Amino acid sequence: MANLYLLSLIAVVGGIAVALQAQLMGLLDRQIGTIESVFITYGSGGLLIGLVVLYLRGGNLSLWQSVPWYAYLSGVIGLVIVASIGFSVPRLGLVTAFTLMVAAQFIVGAMLDHYGFLGAEIRQLNVQKVAGMCIVLIGVWLTVRS
């Protein structure tokens, strides 16, 4: 149970970081543009994690060939995520933009889990999960329409 609390705490910290990053990226987007804000976000993050990899692991990336080719699309998809956050947040607001993004994440996540796409461990959809997603989608509708 303690493991569940720790994992939940990490997820909450990640959620807080996403909201803060989105607001800051929205500020950058409005002041200097979407492409420039993505560059600053990815450039500074890439530099920092590059230094961490070199420091902690000595730059050992020798297992890169054992990873499926499509896993490397995560960087490109990350650019889409960062750009869509930077562009949509200042135009829709944090709540509306994130409500739509979270709803899309639930739907895609449910499909990936249910069918085991892209190497996901299969976790079958059940009535409780579908009911929860329906409640979230009702929340999306209420949030976006107001």
N, C-alpha and C. Protein backbone atom coordinates (compact mmCIF):
# COMPACT_ATOMS: atom_id res chain seq x y z
N MET A 1 0.82 -1.19 0.00
CA MET A 1 0.00 0.00 0.00
C MET A 1 0.86 1.26 0.00
N ALA A 2 2.01 1.21 0.72
CA ALA A 2 2.92 2.35 0.75
C ALA A 2 3.44 2.65 -0.66
N ASN A 3 3.66 1.60 -1.45
CA ASN A 3 4.11 1.77 -2.82
C ASN A 3 3.06 2.53 -3.64
N LEU A 4 1.78 2.23 -3.43
CA LEU A 4 0.70 2.92 -4.13
C LEU A 4 0.70 4.41 -3.75
N TYR A 5 0.93 4.72 -2.49
CA TYR A 5 0.97 6.11 -2.06
C TYR A 5 2.14 6.86 -2.72
N LEU A 6 3.29 6.22 -2.76
CA LEU A 6 4.46 6.84 -3.37
C LEU A 6 4.22 7.06 -4.87
N LEU A 7 3.71 6.05 -5.55
CA LEU A 7 3.43 6.18 -6.98
C LEU A 7 2.38 7.26 -7.23
N SER A 8 1.38 7.33 -6.38
CA SER A 8 0.34 8.36 -6.52
C SER A 8 0.93 9.74 -6.30
N LEU A 9 1.80 9.87 -5.32
CA LEU A 9 2.45 11.15 -5.05
C LEU A 9 3.29 11.60 -6.25
N ILE A 10 4.02 10.68 -6.84
CA ILE A 10 4.83 11.00 -8.02
C ILE A 10 3.93 11.46 -9.17
N ALA A 11 2.79 10.78 -9.35
CA ALA A 11 1.85 11.18 -10.41
C ALA A 11 1.28 12.58 -10.13
N VAL A 12 0.97 12.87 -8.88
CA VAL A 12 0.45 14.19 -8.51
C VAL A 12 1.51 15.27 -8.76
N VAL A 13 2.74 15.01 -8.37
CA VAL A 13 3.83 15.97 -8.62
C VAL A 13 3.97 16.20 -10.12
N GLY A 14 3.88 15.14 -10.91
CA GLY A 14 3.94 15.28 -12.37
C GLY A 14 2.79 16.13 -12.89
N GLY A 15 1.61 15.93 -12.35
CA GLY A 15 0.45 16.74 -12.76
C GLY A 15 0.63 18.21 -12.44
N ILE A 16 1.17 18.48 -11.26
CA ILE A 16 1.44 19.87 -10.86
C ILE A 16 2.46 20.48 -11.81
N ALA A 17 3.51 19.70 -12.13
CA ALA A 17 4.54 20.20 -13.04
C ALA A 17 3.98 20.48 -14.43
N VAL A 18 3.08 19.64 -14.91
CA VAL A 18 2.49 19.86 -16.24
C VAL A 18 1.69 21.16 -16.25
N ALA A 19 0.90 21.39 -15.21
CA ALA A 19 0.10 22.63 -15.16
C ALA A 19 1.00 23.86 -15.10
N LEU A 20 2.05 23.80 -14.29
CA LEU A 20 2.98 24.93 -14.20
C LEU A 20 3.71 25.15 -15.52
N GLN A 21 4.17 24.04 -16.13
CA GLN A 21 4.86 24.16 -17.40
C GLN A 21 3.93 24.75 -18.46
N ALA A 22 2.69 24.32 -18.47
CA ALA A 22 1.75 24.81 -19.47
C ALA A 22 1.54 26.31 -19.34
N GLN A 23 1.39 26.78 -18.13
CA GLN A 23 1.20 28.21 -17.93
C GLN A 23 2.44 29.00 -18.38
N LEU A 24 3.61 28.50 -18.03
CA LEU A 24 4.85 29.17 -18.43
C LEU A 24 5.06 29.12 -19.94
N MET A 25 4.72 27.97 -20.55
CA MET A 25 4.83 27.87 -22.01
C MET A 25 3.83 28.78 -22.71
N GLY A 26 2.65 28.91 -22.13
CA GLY A 26 1.66 29.83 -22.68
C GLY A 26 2.17 31.26 -22.67
N LEU A 27 2.84 31.61 -21.59
CA LEU A 27 3.45 32.93 -21.49
C LEU A 27 4.51 33.12 -22.57
N LEU A 28 5.38 32.12 -22.72
CA LEU A 28 6.39 32.17 -23.78
C LEU A 28 5.73 32.26 -25.16
N ASP A 29 4.69 31.45 -25.38
CA ASP A 29 4.00 31.41 -26.67
C ASP A 29 3.47 32.79 -27.04
N ARG A 30 2.84 33.44 -26.11
CA ARG A 30 2.26 34.76 -26.37
C ARG A 30 3.34 35.82 -26.63
N GLN A 31 4.47 35.68 -25.95
CA GLN A 31 5.51 36.70 -26.07
C GLN A 31 6.43 36.48 -27.26
N ILE A 32 6.80 35.22 -27.53
CA ILE A 32 7.80 34.98 -28.58
C ILE A 32 7.35 34.00 -29.66
N GLY A 33 6.24 33.28 -29.47
CA GLY A 33 5.73 32.37 -30.49
C GLY A 33 5.79 30.91 -30.08
N THR A 34 4.98 30.10 -30.74
CA THR A 34 4.86 28.68 -30.41
C THR A 34 6.16 27.92 -30.68
N ILE A 35 6.72 28.08 -31.86
CA ILE A 35 7.93 27.33 -32.22
C ILE A 35 9.08 27.68 -31.28
N GLU A 36 9.20 28.96 -30.97
CA GLU A 36 10.27 29.40 -30.09
C GLU A 36 10.08 28.87 -28.67
N SER A 37 8.82 28.83 -28.21
CA SER A 37 8.57 28.31 -26.86
C SER A 37 8.86 26.81 -26.79
N VAL A 38 8.54 26.09 -27.87
CA VAL A 38 8.86 24.65 -27.92
C VAL A 38 10.38 24.46 -27.91
N PHE A 39 11.08 25.28 -28.67
CA PHE A 39 12.54 25.19 -28.71
C PHE A 39 13.14 25.43 -27.32
N ILE A 40 12.68 26.46 -26.64
CA ILE A 40 13.21 26.77 -25.31
C ILE A 40 12.89 25.62 -24.35
N THR A 41 11.67 25.11 -24.40
CA THR A 41 11.27 24.03 -23.50
C THR A 41 12.08 22.77 -23.76
N TYR A 42 12.12 22.34 -25.01
CA TYR A 42 12.85 21.12 -25.35
C TYR A 42 14.35 21.32 -25.25
N GLY A 43 14.83 22.47 -25.69
CA GLY A 43 16.27 22.73 -25.64
C GLY A 43 16.80 22.72 -24.22
N SER A 44 16.13 23.43 -23.32
CA SER A 44 16.62 23.48 -21.93
C SER A 44 16.44 22.13 -21.25
N GLY A 45 15.32 21.47 -21.51
CA GLY A 45 15.11 20.14 -20.92
C GLY A 45 16.09 19.12 -21.48
N GLY A 46 16.34 19.18 -22.78
CA GLY A 46 17.29 18.26 -23.40
C GLY A 46 18.70 18.45 -22.89
N LEU A 47 19.09 19.71 -22.73
CA LEU A 47 20.42 19.99 -22.19
C LEU A 47 20.56 19.46 -20.77
N LEU A 48 19.55 19.71 -19.95
CA LEU A 48 19.61 19.26 -18.55
C LEU A 48 19.66 17.74 -18.45
N ILE A 49 18.78 17.05 -19.17
CA ILE A 49 18.78 15.59 -19.06
C ILE A 49 20.04 15.00 -19.70
N GLY A 50 20.58 15.66 -20.72
CA GLY A 50 21.85 15.20 -21.30
C GLY A 50 22.97 15.25 -20.28
N LEU A 51 23.03 16.31 -19.51
CA LEU A 51 24.04 16.42 -18.46
C LEU A 51 23.83 15.38 -17.37
N VAL A 52 22.57 15.12 -17.02
CA VAL A 52 22.26 14.11 -16.00
C VAL A 52 22.69 12.73 -16.48
N VAL A 53 22.39 12.39 -17.73
CA VAL A 53 22.78 11.09 -18.28
C VAL A 53 24.30 10.94 -18.25
N LEU A 54 24.98 11.96 -18.68
CA LEU A 54 26.45 11.90 -18.68
C LEU A 54 27.00 11.75 -17.26
N TYR A 55 26.43 12.47 -16.32
CA TYR A 55 26.93 12.44 -14.95
C TYR A 55 26.61 11.11 -14.26
N LEU A 56 25.38 10.66 -14.36
CA LEU A 56 24.96 9.46 -13.63
C LEU A 56 25.35 8.16 -14.31
N ARG A 57 25.35 8.14 -15.61
CA ARG A 57 25.56 6.88 -16.32
C ARG A 57 26.78 6.90 -17.24
N GLY A 58 27.48 7.97 -17.27
CA GLY A 58 28.65 8.06 -18.15
C GLY A 58 28.30 8.06 -19.62
N GLY A 59 27.04 8.38 -19.94
CA GLY A 59 26.63 8.44 -21.34
C GLY A 59 26.42 7.08 -21.97
N ASN A 60 26.13 6.05 -21.17
CA ASN A 60 25.95 4.69 -21.69
C ASN A 60 24.57 4.54 -22.32
N LEU A 61 24.51 4.65 -23.61
CA LEU A 61 23.27 4.45 -24.35
C LEU A 61 23.40 3.25 -25.29
N SER A 62 24.23 2.30 -24.91
CA SER A 62 24.58 1.20 -25.80
C SER A 62 23.42 0.25 -26.09
N LEU A 63 22.37 0.28 -25.32
CA LEU A 63 21.24 -0.63 -25.54
C LEU A 63 20.20 -0.06 -26.50
N TRP A 64 20.49 1.05 -27.13
CA TRP A 64 19.51 1.71 -27.97
C TRP A 64 18.99 0.84 -29.11
N GLN A 65 19.80 -0.11 -29.57
CA GLN A 65 19.39 -0.97 -30.69
C GLN A 65 18.37 -2.02 -30.29
N SER A 66 18.22 -2.28 -28.98
CA SER A 66 17.28 -3.29 -28.53
C SER A 66 15.86 -2.75 -28.38
N VAL A 67 15.69 -1.47 -28.58
CA VAL A 67 14.38 -0.83 -28.42
C VAL A 67 13.65 -0.86 -29.76
N PRO A 68 12.35 -1.16 -29.79
CA PRO A 68 11.61 -1.12 -31.07
C PRO A 68 11.70 0.27 -31.70
N TRP A 69 11.77 0.31 -33.02
CA TRP A 69 11.96 1.57 -33.74
C TRP A 69 10.91 2.60 -33.38
N TYR A 70 9.66 2.16 -33.20
CA TYR A 70 8.58 3.11 -32.96
C TYR A 70 8.67 3.77 -31.60
N ALA A 71 9.45 3.22 -30.68
CA ALA A 71 9.63 3.86 -29.37
C ALA A 71 10.33 5.21 -29.52
N TYR A 72 11.12 5.35 -30.56
CA TYR A 72 11.83 6.61 -30.78
C TYR A 72 10.92 7.73 -31.28
N LEU A 73 9.70 7.40 -31.61
CA LEU A 73 8.72 8.43 -31.96
C LEU A 73 8.31 9.25 -30.74
N SER A 74 8.67 8.78 -29.55
CA SER A 74 8.29 9.50 -28.33
C SER A 74 8.83 10.94 -28.33
N GLY A 75 9.99 11.16 -28.89
CA GLY A 75 10.53 12.52 -28.96
C GLY A 75 9.69 13.41 -29.87
N VAL A 76 9.31 12.89 -31.02
CA VAL A 76 8.47 13.64 -31.95
C VAL A 76 7.10 13.90 -31.32
N ILE A 77 6.54 12.88 -30.69
CA ILE A 77 5.25 13.04 -30.03
C ILE A 77 5.36 14.05 -28.89
N GLY A 78 6.49 14.04 -28.20
CA GLY A 78 6.72 15.02 -27.14
C GLY A 78 6.67 16.44 -27.68
N LEU A 79 7.22 16.65 -28.88
CA LEU A 79 7.14 17.97 -29.51
C LEU A 79 5.68 18.36 -29.78
N VAL A 80 4.88 17.40 -30.21
CA VAL A 80 3.46 17.67 -30.45
C VAL A 80 2.77 18.05 -29.14
N ILE A 81 3.08 17.31 -28.07
CA ILE A 81 2.49 17.59 -26.77
C ILE A 81 2.85 19.00 -26.31
N VAL A 82 4.14 19.29 -26.33
CA VAL A 82 4.61 20.59 -25.85
C VAL A 82 4.04 21.72 -26.72
N ALA A 83 4.03 21.54 -28.03
CA ALA A 83 3.50 22.58 -28.91
C ALA A 83 2.00 22.76 -28.69
N SER A 84 1.26 21.67 -28.54
CA SER A 84 -0.18 21.80 -28.36
C SER A 84 -0.52 22.45 -27.02
N ILE A 85 0.27 22.17 -26.00
CA ILE A 85 0.06 22.83 -24.71
C ILE A 85 0.37 24.32 -24.84
N GLY A 86 1.52 24.63 -25.38
CA GLY A 86 1.92 26.02 -25.52
C GLY A 86 0.95 26.84 -26.35
N PHE A 87 0.38 26.21 -27.39
CA PHE A 87 -0.54 26.93 -28.27
C PHE A 87 -1.94 27.02 -27.69
N SER A 88 -2.45 25.93 -27.13
CA SER A 88 -3.85 25.91 -26.70
C SER A 88 -4.11 26.58 -25.35
N VAL A 89 -3.16 26.50 -24.42
CA VAL A 89 -3.41 27.04 -23.08
C VAL A 89 -3.67 28.54 -23.09
N PRO A 90 -2.87 29.36 -23.78
CA PRO A 90 -3.18 30.79 -23.74
C PRO A 90 -4.46 31.16 -24.50
N ARG A 91 -4.91 30.28 -25.37
CA ARG A 91 -6.11 30.57 -26.17
C ARG A 91 -7.39 30.00 -25.56
N LEU A 92 -7.28 28.86 -24.88
CA LEU A 92 -8.45 28.22 -24.28
C LEU A 92 -8.49 28.38 -22.77
N GLY A 93 -7.33 28.60 -22.16
CA GLY A 93 -7.22 28.59 -20.70
C GLY A 93 -6.76 27.21 -20.25
N LEU A 94 -6.14 27.17 -19.06
CA LEU A 94 -5.60 25.92 -18.54
C LEU A 94 -6.68 24.86 -18.37
N VAL A 95 -7.79 25.22 -17.75
CA VAL A 95 -8.80 24.21 -17.43
C VAL A 95 -9.38 23.58 -18.70
N THR A 96 -9.79 24.38 -19.66
CA THR A 96 -10.39 23.83 -20.88
C THR A 96 -9.37 23.02 -21.67
N ALA A 97 -8.17 23.56 -21.84
CA ALA A 97 -7.14 22.85 -22.61
C ALA A 97 -6.81 21.51 -21.96
N PHE A 98 -6.59 21.52 -20.64
CA PHE A 98 -6.23 20.28 -19.96
C PHE A 98 -7.40 19.31 -19.87
N THR A 99 -8.60 19.82 -19.77
CA THR A 99 -9.77 18.93 -19.75
C THR A 99 -9.85 18.16 -21.05
N LEU A 100 -9.67 18.84 -22.16
CA LEU A 100 -9.69 18.16 -23.46
C LEU A 100 -8.52 17.19 -23.60
N MET A 101 -7.35 17.60 -23.15
CA MET A 101 -6.17 16.73 -23.25
C MET A 101 -6.32 15.49 -22.38
N VAL A 102 -6.81 15.67 -21.17
CA VAL A 102 -6.98 14.52 -20.28
C VAL A 102 -8.03 13.57 -20.82
N ALA A 103 -9.11 14.10 -21.36
CA ALA A 103 -10.14 13.23 -21.95
C ALA A 103 -9.55 12.41 -23.08
N ALA A 104 -8.76 13.05 -23.94
CA ALA A 104 -8.12 12.32 -25.04
C ALA A 104 -7.15 11.27 -24.50
N GLN A 105 -6.44 11.60 -23.42
CA GLN A 105 -5.52 10.64 -22.81
C GLN A 105 -6.26 9.43 -22.27
N PHE A 106 -7.40 9.65 -21.63
CA PHE A 106 -8.19 8.54 -21.11
C PHE A 106 -8.62 7.60 -22.23
N ILE A 107 -9.12 8.15 -23.30
CA ILE A 107 -9.64 7.33 -24.39
C ILE A 107 -8.50 6.55 -25.06
N VAL A 108 -7.41 7.22 -25.39
CA VAL A 108 -6.28 6.54 -26.03
C VAL A 108 -5.64 5.54 -25.06
N GLY A 109 -5.49 5.96 -23.80
CA GLY A 109 -4.92 5.06 -22.79
C GLY A 109 -5.75 3.80 -22.61
N ALA A 110 -7.07 3.95 -22.63
CA ALA A 110 -7.95 2.79 -22.48
C ALA A 110 -7.76 1.82 -23.64
N MET A 111 -7.62 2.37 -24.85
CA MET A 111 -7.42 1.51 -26.02
C MET A 111 -6.06 0.82 -25.96
N LEU A 112 -5.02 1.57 -25.60
CA LEU A 112 -3.68 0.97 -25.49
C LEU A 112 -3.68 -0.14 -24.45
N ASP A 113 -4.27 0.12 -23.28
CA ASP A 113 -4.32 -0.89 -22.22
C ASP A 113 -5.16 -2.11 -22.63
N HIS A 114 -6.33 -1.87 -23.17
CA HIS A 114 -7.26 -2.95 -23.48
C HIS A 114 -6.71 -3.90 -24.54
N TYR A 115 -6.09 -3.33 -25.57
CA TYR A 115 -5.60 -4.15 -26.67
C TYR A 115 -4.10 -4.46 -26.60
N GLY A 116 -3.40 -3.82 -25.67
CA GLY A 116 -1.96 -4.05 -25.55
C GLY A 116 -1.14 -3.46 -26.68
N PHE A 117 -1.66 -2.40 -27.29
CA PHE A 117 -0.94 -1.76 -28.38
C PHE A 117 0.39 -1.19 -27.91
N LEU A 118 1.35 -1.17 -28.81
CA LEU A 118 2.67 -0.55 -28.60
C LEU A 118 3.38 -1.09 -27.36
N GLY A 119 3.17 -2.34 -27.07
CA GLY A 119 3.87 -2.98 -25.96
C GLY A 119 3.24 -2.79 -24.59
N ALA A 120 2.04 -2.20 -24.53
CA ALA A 120 1.37 -1.99 -23.24
C ALA A 120 0.95 -3.34 -22.65
N GLU A 121 1.02 -3.43 -21.34
CA GLU A 121 0.50 -4.61 -20.66
C GLU A 121 -1.03 -4.58 -20.78
N ILE A 122 -1.62 -5.69 -21.14
CA ILE A 122 -3.07 -5.72 -21.33
C ILE A 122 -3.78 -5.60 -19.99
N ARG A 123 -4.65 -4.59 -19.93
CA ARG A 123 -5.51 -4.35 -18.78
C ARG A 123 -6.91 -4.14 -19.34
N GLN A 124 -7.73 -5.16 -19.25
CA GLN A 124 -9.04 -5.14 -19.87
C GLN A 124 -9.92 -4.01 -19.34
N LEU A 125 -10.69 -3.43 -20.26
CA LEU A 125 -11.70 -2.46 -19.85
C LEU A 125 -12.79 -3.20 -19.09
N ASN A 126 -13.33 -2.55 -18.08
CA ASN A 126 -14.45 -3.13 -17.35
C ASN A 126 -15.50 -2.04 -17.16
N VAL A 127 -16.59 -2.41 -16.54
CA VAL A 127 -17.71 -1.49 -16.37
C VAL A 127 -17.28 -0.27 -15.56
N GLN A 128 -16.49 -0.47 -14.51
CA GLN A 128 -16.08 0.65 -13.67
C GLN A 128 -15.22 1.65 -14.46
N LYS A 129 -14.29 1.14 -15.26
CA LYS A 129 -13.44 2.03 -16.05
C LYS A 129 -14.26 2.80 -17.09
N VAL A 130 -15.16 2.11 -17.75
CA VAL A 130 -16.00 2.77 -18.75
C VAL A 130 -16.88 3.82 -18.08
N ALA A 131 -17.45 3.49 -16.92
CA ALA A 131 -18.28 4.46 -16.19
C ALA A 131 -17.45 5.67 -15.78
N GLY A 132 -16.25 5.44 -15.31
CA GLY A 132 -15.37 6.54 -14.93
C GLY A 132 -15.04 7.43 -16.10
N MET A 133 -14.75 6.83 -17.25
CA MET A 133 -14.44 7.63 -18.44
C MET A 133 -15.67 8.40 -18.91
N CYS A 134 -16.85 7.81 -18.78
CA CYS A 134 -18.08 8.53 -19.15
C CYS A 134 -18.27 9.74 -18.24
N ILE A 135 -18.00 9.58 -16.96
CA ILE A 135 -18.10 10.70 -16.04
C ILE A 135 -17.11 11.80 -16.42
N VAL A 136 -15.90 11.40 -16.77
CA VAL A 136 -14.89 12.37 -17.20
C VAL A 136 -15.37 13.08 -18.47
N LEU A 137 -15.92 12.34 -19.41
CA LEU A 137 -16.39 12.96 -20.65
C LEU A 137 -17.55 13.92 -20.40
N ILE A 138 -18.41 13.60 -19.45
CA ILE A 138 -19.46 14.55 -19.06
C ILE A 138 -18.82 15.81 -18.47
N GLY A 139 -17.78 15.62 -17.67
CA GLY A 139 -17.04 16.76 -17.13
C GLY A 139 -16.40 17.59 -18.23
N VAL A 140 -15.88 16.93 -19.25
CA VAL A 140 -15.31 17.65 -20.39
C VAL A 140 -16.38 18.50 -21.04
N TRP A 141 -17.51 17.90 -21.29
CA TRP A 141 -18.62 18.62 -21.94
C TRP A 141 -19.03 19.83 -21.09
N LEU A 142 -19.18 19.64 -19.78
CA LEU A 142 -19.56 20.74 -18.90
C LEU A 142 -18.50 21.84 -18.88
N THR A 143 -17.24 21.45 -18.89
CA THR A 143 -16.16 22.41 -18.81
C THR A 143 -16.01 23.20 -20.11
N VAL A 144 -16.08 22.54 -21.24
CA VAL A 144 -15.83 23.16 -22.52
C VAL A 144 -17.00 24.05 -22.95
N ARG A 145 -18.20 23.68 -22.59
CA ARG A 145 -19.37 24.44 -23.05
C ARG A 145 -19.57 25.73 -22.27
N SER A 146 -18.97 25.86 -21.10
CA SER A 146 -19.22 27.06 -20.30
C SER A 146 -18.27 28.18 -20.60
